[in-house]
Amino acid sequence: MRDRRRGPLASVGLHTTLVIASAVAVFPPLWLVVTSFKPKSEAFSTDVVKDPTLGNYRHVLGDTEFLTWFGNSLFIVVITTILGVFVAATTGYAVSRFRFPGMRPLMWLLLITQMFPVAILIVPLYNIMSTLGWLNQPISLIVTYLTVAVPFCAWMMKGFFDTIPVEIDESGRVDGLNPFGTFWRLVVPLAKPGLAVTAFYTFITAWAEVAYASAFMTGEDNLTLAAGLQTFVNQYTSDWGSMTAAAVMIAIPAALVFSWAQRHLVAGLTAGATKS
């Protein structure tokens, strides 16, 4: 039997690689945080913070429309996440449990929609929103983000529901539950890992997106957080201190959501990726 133990050189090489990879991953966000506490005159300095200041944060919160952008983003994200989880879960459950004409083309359609890059879809979606009179309205971004997030999440939820025994549905029907009652009362409680991943993916899709938000929304009162960041750096001025401070505050809600969902991420993503 071959000895699978690593030699000293292999162990040193492995640990060195892991340390370098960790440093590369941690350095950008760490430097972002450090820069946010620097005075504006030292934004491009490679030195560690000499005179830490909260001036950038005070400026962002008190002299810009950051709180308005935050409210706009929070409203859009909450509505998008709730609707996205509900639509993806019900679609995935229906495709997992029922057989109907066009089911396979529907699954292929959900997969194919993920192949189109954002740049191709901006113009047709802009025209649709303009025709409907939805430009500069939160509904334009809510509908757009749902079209981006729901197909992938529905495919993933279908794979997750495939791991839940059909006998649970049958027991619900024996007890007199209709299909939706069975889904809501018996299956959903067992699908929390998949629902957590769906909620996290939908949240990140809406929270961090900038292309559609910049195209569909104009005027500082209508911008979302990601689009609002662009106002700090443009053709004529570059306020990197304010931008880094705003970026840190934007990252905090995403980190909190991730900390809530992370215990379910591996189980949910693995189930959605391995089942068909």
C-alpha atoms as a PDB file:
ATOM      1  CA  MET A   1       0.000   0.000   0.000  1.00  0.00           C
ATOM      2  CA  ARG A   2       1.417   3.376  -1.033  1.00  0.00           C
ATOM      3  CA  ASP A   3       2.260   5.917   1.667  1.00  0.00           C
ATOM      4  CA  ARG A   4       0.076   8.950   0.990  1.00  0.00           C
ATOM      5  CA  ARG A   5       1.720  11.205   3.567  1.00  0.00           C
ATOM      6  CA  ARG A   6       3.144  14.465   2.195  1.00  0.00           C
ATOM      7  CA  GLY A   7       6.840  15.102   2.425  1.00  0.00           C
ATOM      8  CA  PRO A   8       8.254  18.213   4.149  1.00  0.00           C
ATOM      9  CA  LEU A   9       8.759  20.103   0.880  1.00  0.00           C
ATOM     10  CA  ALA A  10       5.240  19.319  -0.332  1.00  0.00           C
ATOM     11  CA  SER A  11       3.791  20.441   2.998  1.00  0.00           C
ATOM     12  CA  VAL A  12       5.762  23.703   2.945  1.00  0.00           C
ATOM     13  CA  GLY A  13       4.719  24.347  -0.650  1.00  0.00           C
ATOM     14  CA  LEU A  14       1.056  23.691   0.127  1.00  0.00           C
ATOM     15  CA  HIS A  15       0.996  25.965   3.167  1.00  0.00           C
ATOM     16  CA  THR A  16       2.913  28.689   1.346  1.00  0.00           C
ATOM     17  CA  THR A  17       0.410  28.588  -1.493  1.00  0.00           C
ATOM     18  CA  LEU A  18      -2.507  28.796   0.940  1.00  0.00           C
ATOM     19  CA  VAL A  19      -0.952  31.759   2.754  1.00  0.00           C
ATOM     20  CA  ILE A  20      -0.327  33.625  -0.506  1.00  0.00           C
ATOM     21  CA  ALA A  21      -3.840  32.904  -1.783  1.00  0.00           C
ATOM     22  CA  SER A  22      -5.343  34.084   1.517  1.00  0.00           C
ATOM     23  CA  ALA A  23      -3.284  37.280   1.428  1.00  0.00           C
ATOM     24  CA  VAL A  24      -4.352  37.999  -2.153  1.00  0.00           C
ATOM     25  CA  ALA A  25      -8.017  37.463  -1.218  1.00  0.00           C
ATOM     26  CA  VAL A  26      -7.906  39.544   1.982  1.00  0.00           C
ATOM     27  CA  PHE A  27      -5.735  42.443   0.788  1.00  0.00           C
ATOM     28  CA  PRO A  28      -8.282  44.331  -1.421  1.00  0.00           C
ATOM     29  CA  PRO A  29     -11.109  44.560   1.170  1.00  0.00           C
ATOM     30  CA  LEU A  30      -8.595  45.253   3.943  1.00  0.00           C
ATOM     31  CA  TRP A  31      -7.019  48.084   1.973  1.00  0.00           C
ATOM     32  CA  LEU A  32     -10.489  49.429   1.191  1.00  0.00           C
ATOM     33  CA  VAL A  33     -11.252  49.654   4.918  1.00  0.00           C
ATOM     34  CA  VAL A  34      -7.873  51.254   5.652  1.00  0.00           C
ATOM     35  CA  THR A  35      -8.331  53.860   2.910  1.00  0.00           C
ATOM     36  CA  SER A  36     -11.778  54.785   4.211  1.00  0.00           C
ATOM     37  CA  PHE A  37     -10.147  56.034   7.445  1.00  0.00           C
ATOM     38  CA  LYS A  38      -7.467  58.081   5.684  1.00  0.00           C
ATOM     39  CA  PRO A  39      -7.733  61.845   5.096  1.00  0.00           C
ATOM     40  CA  LYS A  40      -8.520  62.674   1.470  1.00  0.00           C
ATOM     41  CA  SER A  41      -5.005  63.993   0.933  1.00  0.00           C
ATOM     42  CA  GLU A  42      -3.564  60.566   1.805  1.00  0.00           C
ATOM     43  CA  ALA A  43      -5.976  58.399  -0.195  1.00  0.00           C
ATOM     44  CA  PHE A  44      -3.238  57.204  -2.564  1.00  0.00           C
ATOM     45  CA  SER A  45      -0.577  56.885   0.113  1.00  0.00           C
ATOM     46  CA  THR A  46       0.847  53.399   0.606  1.00  0.00           C
ATOM     47  CA  ASP A  47       1.415  54.066   4.289  1.00  0.00           C
ATOM     48  CA  VAL A  48      -0.817  52.633   6.965  1.00  0.00           C
ATOM     49  CA  VAL A  49      -3.195  55.177   8.460  1.00  0.00           C
ATOM     50  CA  LYS A  50      -1.173  57.836  10.290  1.00  0.00           C
ATOM     51  CA  ASP A  51      -4.031  60.089  11.363  1.00  0.00           C
ATOM     52  CA  PRO A  52      -7.246  58.012  11.270  1.00  0.00           C
ATOM     53  CA  THR A  53     -10.375  60.045  10.717  1.00  0.00           C
ATOM     54  CA  LEU A  54     -14.108  59.497  10.407  1.00  0.00           C
ATOM     55  CA  GLY A  55     -14.410  62.499   8.118  1.00  0.00           C
ATOM     56  CA  ASN A  56     -15.143  60.370   5.058  1.00  0.00           C
ATOM     57  CA  TYR A  57     -18.015  58.625   6.837  1.00  0.00           C
ATOM     58  CA  ARG A  58     -19.409  61.913   8.168  1.00  0.00           C
ATOM     59  CA  HIS A  59     -19.268  63.418   4.702  1.00  0.00           C
ATOM     60  CA  VAL A  60     -21.016  60.440   3.095  1.00  0.00           C
ATOM     61  CA  LEU A  61     -23.777  60.286   5.693  1.00  0.00           C
ATOM     62  CA  GLY A  62     -24.297  64.014   6.137  1.00  0.00           C
ATOM     63  CA  ASP A  63     -23.455  65.710   2.839  1.00  0.00           C
ATOM     64  CA  THR A  64     -24.584  63.203   0.198  1.00  0.00           C
ATOM     65  CA  GLU A  65     -27.762  61.311  -0.677  1.00  0.00           C
ATOM     66  CA  PHE A  66     -26.340  58.071   0.716  1.00  0.00           C
ATOM     67  CA  LEU A  67     -29.242  57.456   3.109  1.00  0.00           C
ATOM     68  CA  THR A  68     -31.717  58.000   0.245  1.00  0.00           C
ATOM     69  CA  TRP A  69     -29.793  55.536  -1.904  1.00  0.00           C
ATOM     70  CA  PHE A  70     -29.754  53.098   0.987  1.00  0.00           C
ATOM     71  CA  GLY A  71     -33.533  53.358   1.379  1.00  0.00           C
ATOM     72  CA  ASN A  72     -34.063  52.858  -2.361  1.00  0.00           C
ATOM     73  CA  SER A  73     -31.805  49.806  -2.419  1.00  0.00           C
ATOM     74  CA  LEU A  74     -33.325  48.323   0.731  1.00  0.00           C
ATOM     75  CA  PHE A  75     -36.865  48.620  -0.644  1.00  0.00           C
ATOM     76  CA  ILE A  76     -35.922  47.089  -3.999  1.00  0.00           C
ATOM     77  CA  VAL A  77     -33.867  44.297  -2.421  1.00  0.00           C
ATOM     78  CA  VAL A  78     -36.512  43.289   0.129  1.00  0.00           C
ATOM     79  CA  ILE A  79     -39.296  43.095  -2.470  1.00  0.00           C
ATOM     80  CA  THR A  80     -37.038  41.313  -4.973  1.00  0.00           C
ATOM     81  CA  THR A  81     -35.860  38.763  -2.404  1.00  0.00           C
ATOM     82  CA  ILE A  82     -39.360  37.942  -1.144  1.00  0.00           C
ATOM     83  CA  LEU A  83     -40.808  37.564  -4.641  1.00  0.00           C
ATOM     84  CA  GLY A  84     -37.710  35.780  -5.940  1.00  0.00           C
ATOM     85  CA  VAL A  85     -37.741  33.157  -3.196  1.00  0.00           C
ATOM     86  CA  PHE A  86     -41.474  32.547  -3.606  1.00  0.00           C
ATOM     87  CA  VAL A  87     -41.424  32.288  -7.412  1.00  0.00           C
ATOM     88  CA  ALA A  88     -38.249  30.183  -7.537  1.00  0.00           C
ATOM     89  CA  ALA A  89     -39.488  27.822  -4.816  1.00  0.00           C
ATOM     90  CA  THR A  90     -42.931  27.276  -6.342  1.00  0.00           C
ATOM     91  CA  THR A  91     -41.465  26.867  -9.842  1.00  0.00           C
ATOM     92  CA  GLY A  92     -38.821  24.424  -8.643  1.00  0.00           C
ATOM     93  CA  TYR A  93     -41.402  22.430  -6.683  1.00  0.00           C
ATOM     94  CA  ALA A  94     -43.801  22.253  -9.623  1.00  0.00           C
ATOM     95  CA  VAL A  95     -41.101  21.029 -12.002  1.00  0.00           C
ATOM     96  CA  SER A  96     -39.800  18.549  -9.428  1.00  0.00           C
ATOM     97  CA  ARG A  97     -43.139  16.992  -8.507  1.00  0.00           C
ATOM     98  CA  PHE A  98     -45.421  17.312 -11.538  1.00  0.00           C
ATOM     99  CA  ARG A  99     -45.166  16.147 -15.107  1.00  0.00           C
ATOM    100  CA  PHE A 100     -46.763  18.392 -17.702  1.00  0.00           C
ATOM    101  CA  PRO A 101     -46.370  19.178 -21.419  1.00  0.00           C
ATOM    102  CA  GLY A 102     -43.431  21.485 -22.054  1.00  0.00           C
ATOM    103  CA  MET A 103     -41.666  20.707 -18.779  1.00  0.00           C
ATOM    104  CA  ARG A 104     -38.333  19.850 -20.374  1.00  0.00           C
ATOM    105  CA  PRO A 105     -38.322  22.898 -22.699  1.00  0.00           C
ATOM    106  CA  LEU A 106     -39.132  25.018 -19.644  1.00  0.00           C
ATOM    107  CA  MET A 107     -36.095  23.680 -17.804  1.00  0.00           C
ATOM    108  CA  TRP A 108     -33.902  24.331 -20.826  1.00  0.00           C
ATOM    109  CA  LEU A 109     -35.340  27.845 -21.078  1.00  0.00           C
ATOM    110  CA  LEU A 110     -34.451  28.523 -17.443  1.00  0.00           C
ATOM    111  CA  LEU A 111     -30.892  27.395 -18.139  1.00  0.00           C
ATOM    112  CA  ILE A 112     -30.482  29.227 -21.451  1.00  0.00           C
ATOM    113  CA  THR A 113     -31.528  32.563 -19.955  1.00  0.00           C
ATOM    114  CA  GLN A 114     -28.346  32.478 -17.857  1.00  0.00           C
ATOM    115  CA  MET A 115     -26.188  32.500 -20.992  1.00  0.00           C
ATOM    116  CA  PHE A 116     -27.028  36.060 -22.044  1.00  0.00           C
ATOM    117  CA  PRO A 117     -24.622  38.738 -20.773  1.00  0.00           C
ATOM    118  CA  VAL A 118     -25.970  41.856 -19.114  1.00  0.00           C
ATOM    119  CA  ALA A 119     -24.743  44.153 -21.897  1.00  0.00           C
ATOM    120  CA  ILE A 120     -26.965  42.441 -24.491  1.00  0.00           C
ATOM    121  CA  LEU A 121     -30.119  42.735 -22.393  1.00  0.00           C
ATOM    122  CA  ILE A 122     -29.850  46.362 -21.271  1.00  0.00           C
ATOM    123  CA  VAL A 123     -31.178  47.931 -24.493  1.00  0.00           C
ATOM    124  CA  PRO A 124     -34.234  45.664 -25.012  1.00  0.00           C
ATOM    125  CA  LEU A 125     -35.123  45.824 -21.315  1.00  0.00           C
ATOM    126  CA  TYR A 126     -34.711  49.608 -21.362  1.00  0.00           C
ATOM    127  CA  ASN A 127     -37.105  49.838 -24.301  1.00  0.00           C
ATOM    128  CA  ILE A 128     -39.635  47.632 -22.527  1.00  0.00           C
ATOM    129  CA  MET A 129     -39.441  49.672 -19.324  1.00  0.00           C
ATOM    130  CA  SER A 130     -39.725  52.901 -21.299  1.00  0.00           C
ATOM    131  CA  THR A 131     -42.825  51.630 -23.124  1.00  0.00           C
ATOM    132  CA  LEU A 132     -44.424  50.634 -19.811  1.00  0.00           C
ATOM    133  CA  GLY A 133     -43.501  53.968 -18.229  1.00  0.00           C
ATOM    134  CA  TRP A 134     -41.450  52.249 -15.525  1.00  0.00           C
ATOM    135  CA  LEU A 135     -38.167  54.138 -15.914  1.00  0.00           C
ATOM    136  CA  ASN A 136     -37.088  55.842 -12.687  1.00  0.00           C
ATOM    137  CA  GLN A 137     -39.490  53.532 -10.848  1.00  0.00           C
ATOM    138  CA  PRO A 138     -38.400  50.791  -8.421  1.00  0.00           C
ATOM    139  CA  ILE A 139     -40.596  48.275 -10.243  1.00  0.00           C
ATOM    140  CA  SER A 140     -38.282  48.403 -13.271  1.00  0.00           C
ATOM    141  CA  LEU A 141     -35.345  47.126 -11.233  1.00  0.00           C
ATOM    142  CA  ILE A 142     -37.461  44.645  -9.257  1.00  0.00           C
ATOM    143  CA  VAL A 143     -38.760  43.006 -12.440  1.00  0.00           C
ATOM    144  CA  THR A 144     -35.307  43.042 -14.033  1.00  0.00           C
ATOM    145  CA  TYR A 145     -33.578  41.484 -11.044  1.00  0.00           C
ATOM    146  CA  LEU A 146     -36.258  38.809 -10.847  1.00  0.00           C
ATOM    147  CA  THR A 147     -35.634  37.894 -14.493  1.00  0.00           C
ATOM    148  CA  VAL A 148     -31.940  37.528 -13.670  1.00  0.00           C
ATOM    149  CA  ALA A 149     -32.182  35.621 -10.383  1.00  0.00           C
ATOM    150  CA  VAL A 150     -35.312  33.448 -10.667  1.00  0.00           C
ATOM    151  CA  PRO A 151     -34.239  31.116 -13.548  1.00  0.00           C
ATOM    152  CA  PHE A 152     -31.041  29.989 -11.802  1.00  0.00           C
ATOM    153  CA  CYS A 153     -32.735  29.760  -8.408  1.00  0.00           C
ATOM    154  CA  ALA A 154     -35.673  27.783  -9.814  1.00  0.00           C
ATOM    155  CA  TRP A 155     -33.264  25.291 -11.412  1.00  0.00           C
ATOM    156  CA  MET A 156     -31.386  24.971  -8.152  1.00  0.00           C
ATOM    157  CA  MET A 157     -34.567  24.591  -6.079  1.00  0.00           C
ATOM    158  CA  LYS A 158     -35.795  21.876  -8.452  1.00  0.00           C
ATOM    159  CA  GLY A 159     -32.653  19.899  -7.688  1.00  0.00           C
ATOM    160  CA  PHE A 160     -33.105  20.461  -3.970  1.00  0.00           C
ATOM    161  CA  PHE A 161     -36.760  19.378  -3.977  1.00  0.00           C
ATOM    162  CA  ASP A 162     -35.692  16.204  -5.791  1.00  0.00           C
ATOM    163  CA  THR A 163     -33.820  15.216  -2.606  1.00  0.00           C
ATOM    164  CA  ILE A 164     -36.995  15.407  -0.488  1.00  0.00           C
ATOM    165  CA  PRO A 165     -38.903  12.089  -0.542  1.00  0.00           C
ATOM    166  CA  VAL A 166     -42.136  12.068  -2.518  1.00  0.00           C
ATOM    167  CA  GLU A 167     -43.714  10.072   0.299  1.00  0.00           C
ATOM    168  CA  ILE A 168     -43.970  13.305   2.288  1.00  0.00           C
ATOM    169  CA  ASP A 169     -46.246  14.766  -0.399  1.00  0.00           C
ATOM    170  CA  GLU A 170     -48.307  11.594  -0.441  1.00  0.00           C
ATOM    171  CA  SER A 171     -48.793  11.708   3.329  1.00  0.00           C
ATOM    172  CA  GLY A 172     -49.998  15.294   2.997  1.00  0.00           C
ATOM    173  CA  ARG A 173     -52.577  14.325   0.409  1.00  0.00           C
ATOM    174  CA  VAL A 174     -53.749  11.477   2.637  1.00  0.00           C
ATOM    175  CA  ASP A 175     -54.303  14.028   5.399  1.00  0.00           C
ATOM    176  CA  GLY A 176     -56.452  16.121   3.042  1.00  0.00           C
ATOM    177  CA  LEU A 177     -53.958  18.828   2.054  1.00  0.00           C
ATOM    178  CA  ASN A 178     -54.114  20.301  -1.431  1.00  0.00           C
ATOM    179  CA  PRO A 179     -50.856  20.577  -3.462  1.00  0.00           C
ATOM    180  CA  PHE A 180     -50.078  24.092  -2.215  1.00  0.00           C
ATOM    181  CA  GLY A 181     -50.867  23.120   1.378  1.00  0.00           C
ATOM    182  CA  THR A 182     -48.514  20.166   1.078  1.00  0.00           C
ATOM    183  CA  PHE A 183     -45.825  22.404  -0.360  1.00  0.00           C
ATOM    184  CA  TRP A 184     -46.229  25.145   2.241  1.00  0.00           C
ATOM    185  CA  ARG A 185     -46.745  23.086   5.393  1.00  0.00           C
ATOM    186  CA  LEU A 186     -44.647  19.973   4.770  1.00  0.00           C
ATOM    187  CA  VAL A 187     -42.022  20.602   2.078  1.00  0.00           C
ATOM    188  CA  VAL A 188     -40.968  24.204   2.731  1.00  0.00           C
ATOM    189  CA  PRO A 189     -39.788  23.511   6.312  1.00  0.00           C
ATOM    190  CA  LEU A 190     -37.512  20.790   4.918  1.00  0.00           C
ATOM    191  CA  ALA A 191     -36.159  23.062   2.177  1.00  0.00           C
ATOM    192  CA  LYS A 192     -34.619  25.747   4.388  1.00  0.00           C
ATOM    193  CA  PRO A 193     -31.049  25.259   3.061  1.00  0.00           C
ATOM    194  CA  GLY A 194     -32.197  25.720  -0.532  1.00  0.00           C
ATOM    195  CA  LEU A 195     -34.396  28.672   0.391  1.00  0.00           C
ATOM    196  CA  ALA A 196     -31.472  30.303   2.223  1.00  0.00           C
ATOM    197  CA  VAL A 197     -29.240  29.985  -0.837  1.00  0.00           C
ATOM    198  CA  THR A 198     -32.014  31.353  -3.051  1.00  0.00           C
ATOM    199  CA  ALA A 199     -32.539  34.313  -0.721  1.00  0.00           C
ATOM    200  CA  PHE A 200     -28.810  35.019  -0.581  1.00  0.00           C
ATOM    201  CA  TYR A 201     -28.336  34.821  -4.344  1.00  0.00           C
ATOM    202  CA  THR A 202     -31.357  37.051  -4.999  1.00  0.00           C
ATOM    203  CA  PHE A 203     -30.192  39.531  -2.372  1.00  0.00           C
ATOM    204  CA  ILE A 204     -26.697  39.791  -3.852  1.00  0.00           C
ATOM    205  CA  THR A 205     -28.103  40.101  -7.377  1.00  0.00           C
ATOM    206  CA  ALA A 206     -30.167  43.130  -6.389  1.00  0.00           C
ATOM    207  CA  TRP A 207     -27.824  44.667  -3.798  1.00  0.00           C
ATOM    208  CA  ALA A 208     -24.615  44.781  -5.842  1.00  0.00           C
ATOM    209  CA  GLU A 209     -25.958  45.288  -9.387  1.00  0.00           C
ATOM    210  CA  VAL A 210     -24.928  48.526 -11.097  1.00  0.00           C
ATOM    211  CA  ALA A 211     -25.495  48.240 -14.877  1.00  0.00           C
ATOM    212  CA  TYR A 212     -29.309  48.131 -14.878  1.00  0.00           C
ATOM    213  CA  ALA A 213     -29.526  50.557 -11.952  1.00  0.00           C
ATOM    214  CA  SER A 214     -27.437  53.117 -13.835  1.00  0.00           C
ATOM    215  CA  ALA A 215     -29.397  52.697 -17.070  1.00  0.00           C
ATOM    216  CA  PHE A 216     -32.928  52.708 -15.652  1.00  0.00           C
ATOM    217  CA  MET A 217     -32.603  55.274 -12.851  1.00  0.00           C
ATOM    218  CA  THR A 218     -31.587  58.931 -13.185  1.00  0.00           C
ATOM    219  CA  GLY A 219     -31.451  61.720 -10.639  1.00  0.00           C
ATOM    220  CA  GLU A 220     -29.752  61.304  -7.262  1.00  0.00           C
ATOM    221  CA  ASP A 221     -33.063  60.770  -5.461  1.00  0.00           C
ATOM    222  CA  ASN A 222     -33.762  57.646  -7.538  1.00  0.00           C
ATOM    223  CA  LEU A 223     -30.338  55.997  -7.483  1.00  0.00           C
ATOM    224  CA  THR A 224     -29.502  52.804  -5.647  1.00  0.00           C
ATOM    225  CA  LEU A 225     -26.339  52.332  -3.613  1.00  0.00           C
ATOM    226  CA  ALA A 226     -24.297  50.700  -6.371  1.00  0.00           C
ATOM    227  CA  ALA A 227     -25.236  53.403  -8.872  1.00  0.00           C
ATOM    228  CA  GLY A 228     -24.725  56.139  -6.300  1.00  0.00           C
ATOM    229  CA  LEU A 229     -21.084  55.133  -5.842  1.00  0.00           C
ATOM    230  CA  GLN A 230     -20.398  56.385  -9.342  1.00  0.00           C
ATOM    231  CA  THR A 231     -21.139  59.953  -8.277  1.00  0.00           C
ATOM    232  CA  PHE A 232     -17.963  59.954  -6.169  1.00  0.00           C
ATOM    233  CA  VAL A 233     -15.709  59.203  -9.150  1.00  0.00           C
ATOM    234  CA  ASN A 234     -16.446  60.745 -12.524  1.00  0.00           C
ATOM    235  CA  GLN A 235     -14.667  62.418 -15.435  1.00  0.00           C
ATOM    236  CA  TYR A 236     -13.765  65.533 -13.476  1.00  0.00           C
ATOM    237  CA  THR A 237     -13.420  64.587  -9.806  1.00  0.00           C
ATOM    238  CA  SER A 238     -12.320  61.532  -7.817  1.00  0.00           C
ATOM    239  CA  ASP A 239     -13.348  61.432  -4.165  1.00  0.00           C
ATOM    240  CA  TRP A 240     -11.798  58.096  -3.266  1.00  0.00           C
ATOM    241  CA  GLY A 241     -12.125  58.654   0.473  1.00  0.00           C
ATOM    242  CA  SER A 242     -15.905  59.026   0.271  1.00  0.00           C
ATOM    243  CA  MET A 243     -16.174  56.158  -2.189  1.00  0.00           C
ATOM    244  CA  THR A 244     -14.269  53.737   0.033  1.00  0.00           C
ATOM    245  CA  ALA A 245     -16.287  54.776   3.098  1.00  0.00           C
ATOM    246  CA  ALA A 246     -19.539  54.258   1.198  1.00  0.00           C
ATOM    247  CA  ALA A 247     -18.292  50.901  -0.118  1.00  0.00           C
ATOM    248  CA  VAL A 248     -17.530  49.708   3.416  1.00  0.00           C
ATOM    249  CA  MET A 249     -21.029  50.664   4.596  1.00  0.00           C
ATOM    250  CA  ILE A 250     -22.569  48.947   1.568  1.00  0.00           C
ATOM    251  CA  ALA A 251     -20.637  45.759   2.324  1.00  0.00           C
ATOM    252  CA  ILE A 252     -21.893  45.518   5.905  1.00  0.00           C
ATOM    253  CA  PRO A 253     -25.491  44.410   5.076  1.00  0.00           C
ATOM    254  CA  ALA A 254     -24.148  41.887   2.550  1.00  0.00           C
ATOM    255  CA  ALA A 255     -21.805  40.486   5.203  1.00  0.00           C
ATOM    256  CA  LEU A 256     -24.675  40.199   7.695  1.00  0.00           C
ATOM    257  CA  VAL A 257     -26.854  38.356   5.164  1.00  0.00           C
ATOM    258  CA  PHE A 258     -23.970  36.058   4.298  1.00  0.00           C
ATOM    259  CA  SER A 259     -23.331  35.281   7.978  1.00  0.00           C
ATOM    260  CA  TRP A 260     -27.009  34.316   8.311  1.00  0.00           C
ATOM    261  CA  ALA A 261     -27.047  32.147   5.182  1.00  0.00           C
ATOM    262  CA  GLN A 262     -23.538  30.654   5.217  1.00  0.00           C
ATOM    263  CA  ARG A 263     -24.427  27.594   7.287  1.00  0.00           C
ATOM    264  CA  HIS A 264     -26.925  26.593   4.589  1.00  0.00           C
ATOM    265  CA  LEU A 265     -24.842  27.514   1.527  1.00  0.00           C
ATOM    266  CA  VAL A 266     -22.907  24.257   1.135  1.00  0.00           C
ATOM    267  CA  ALA A 267     -25.955  22.012   1.587  1.00  0.00           C
ATOM    268  CA  GLY A 268     -28.171  24.124  -0.660  1.00  0.00           C
ATOM    269  CA  LEU A 269     -25.679  24.620  -3.481  1.00  0.00           C
ATOM    270  CA  THR A 270     -24.580  20.969  -3.414  1.00  0.00           C
ATOM    271  CA  ALA A 271     -28.144  19.673  -3.606  1.00  0.00           C
ATOM    272  CA  GLY A 272     -29.051  22.022  -6.414  1.00  0.00           C
ATOM    273  CA  ALA A 273     -25.931  21.172  -8.377  1.00  0.00           C
ATOM    274  CA  THR A 274     -25.932  17.385  -8.143  1.00  0.00           C
ATOM    275  CA  LYS A 275     -29.565  16.425  -8.543  1.00  0.00           C
ATOM    276  CA  SER A 276     -31.427  16.446 -11.847  1.00  0.00           C
END
